[in-house]
Amino acid sequence: MKKYRLLMLTTLIISGCSICYELIISAVSSYLVGDSTLQYSVTIGLYMSAMGLGSFISKYMKKDLFNWFVIVEIGVGVMGGASSLILFLANLYLEQYQLVMYLEIIIIGTFVGVEIPLLTRIIENDAENLRITISSIFSFDYIGGLIGSIAFPLLLLPHLGYFSTAFLMGSMNILAAILIVFKYSDRIKKAVVFRISTIVLFILMMFGAVFSENISDFIEGGLYRDRVVFSEQTPYQHIVITKHKDDLRLFIDGNVQFCSLDEYRYHEALVHIPMSQAAKKDRVLILGGGDGMAVRELLKYEETQITLVDLDAEMIRICSENKNISELNENSLQSPRLTIINDDAYRYLEESDEIFDVIIVDLPDPNNESLNKLYTNIFYRLCSNALTDDGILVVQSTSPYYATEAFWCINETLESEGFYVKPYHLQVPAFGDWGFNMASKKELGNDFEITVHTRYLNEDNIDALFAFGKDEMADNVEINSLSKPVLIQYYSEAVRNWE
């Protein structure tokens, strides 16, 4: 067993890298296509099946097992290292992204499936106790999987991003091949050729990891219509800022959050409609809204004290320090009337005992499970607990035209918690028809008096915001709950229909 300790170490490396490839493919596909539950489910299922295929194929490798093992390591390293790049390029230049994704999963999974059976056969030829040998192999395999599954979300993706993480994992697989080639050269045919090829491939993988930012800049140049002026992967999301003349746009995980040319329409409707209905305006809570635009509008009310809860501290820092955005939000995030809390909105409402006159929910669309939780009946129940008896709640609610069922699902879910709800919407050129749901524990009035300066809202157009066309209505929608997250399905179907 002692002479195979290095092979045991490679098992740890192999397993950790394998888990990371699964997570990379799932995360990239969720980022590019959406519907994270589907992407992760398909990736895991197809990957496991491909591993079974690889295990079956391994029985035909009867001779030169060390050579086969090194070849497999090289194959996994090259395909896994290039996995993120292949997916992004497929999304940019090919119509059949899903086909490329499936092929990539199958190829990597098949290679990985060959590794453990091959390694077991190599060791069992000389091992005195096969029982101990197999248990050791699988122990290292499971430990490596645990390390990879923890390292990816906590260390690799937040600090390195998709490209650098993939190339780094690929280099680890190639490194495992190098260790084997040099340690067991007497068991490998044409060992010199393998030495040279593995070293060259390792250098290429490390080159990709080191210059991943350049690769990212190139890819993002194709993903976004305008010039990318800022890009950063935070622990929670990928933030990109693009600019073309006076058109500044902020993207989170590929989804546009605002366009500087028309964002005032969205934020005036989000803020001033509920504020015009509020009996008191002393204490306002914003959930989300880390770009500072809603805060800018609220600061027009001199008596208002604002609490902003946003999970991502980096988002706040970027929108405070980036000159392009700070000019647009008028340095609102630096206001002494603003208290910033970096916490999950759901957890904050669970733990806080503060009460507010107005709550503004300005969160990204419910395109994954984490965000869906913030559109459920339980979340709105928590909002109700944090609201005064005559307070006002408003929720950004996607588009009643492009995502009709999703919009009315949010409406029905609010009503299910005892709120009186008034839906409204307006045209935001960058988004199209966009909607909100305003709610209160008491029946809402029909008089809307805007007492602050606005660029869009006036007495003549407010009433029109509450009128909906026949093609913007939906019946028989279900309530969104933690145990049955139907909103994700409604939203994902709408995205697919309009792609």
Foldseek 3Di string as FASTA:
>chain_A
DVLCVLVLVLLLLLLLLLLLLLVLLLLLCCLLQFPSVVSSVVLVVLLQVLLVVLLVVLVVCDPLLLQLLLVLLLQLLVLQLCVNVQLLVCSQPPPPSVVSSSVSSNSNSSSSSNNLVSSLVVQVVPDPDSVVVNVSSVVSNVNSNVVNVVCNLPPPCQPQNSNLSSLVSSLSSLVSSLVSLVSPVVSHPPSVVSNVVSVVSSVVSVVRNVCVVVVVLVSVPSLDPAHWPDWHRHSPWIWTWGDDPQWIWIDTSSHTQDTLVFVLVVLCVLAQQQVLQFPDQQEEEEEDPLLLQNLLVSVLPPNHQYEYEAQTPVSNVCSQPPPSSCVSNVNSSVDPSYHYHNDHLQVCLVPDQAAGQEYGYSDDACRDLSVLQCLALVVLLSVQNRYDQFHKYKYWQFALQLLVLSRVLSVVSNVVNQWAKQKFWDQRPVRGITIMIMTHNDHTDDDGDRPGDGDPDDPVCPVVRRDDDPSSHDPDRHHAHSVHHCSNVSVSVSVVVVD
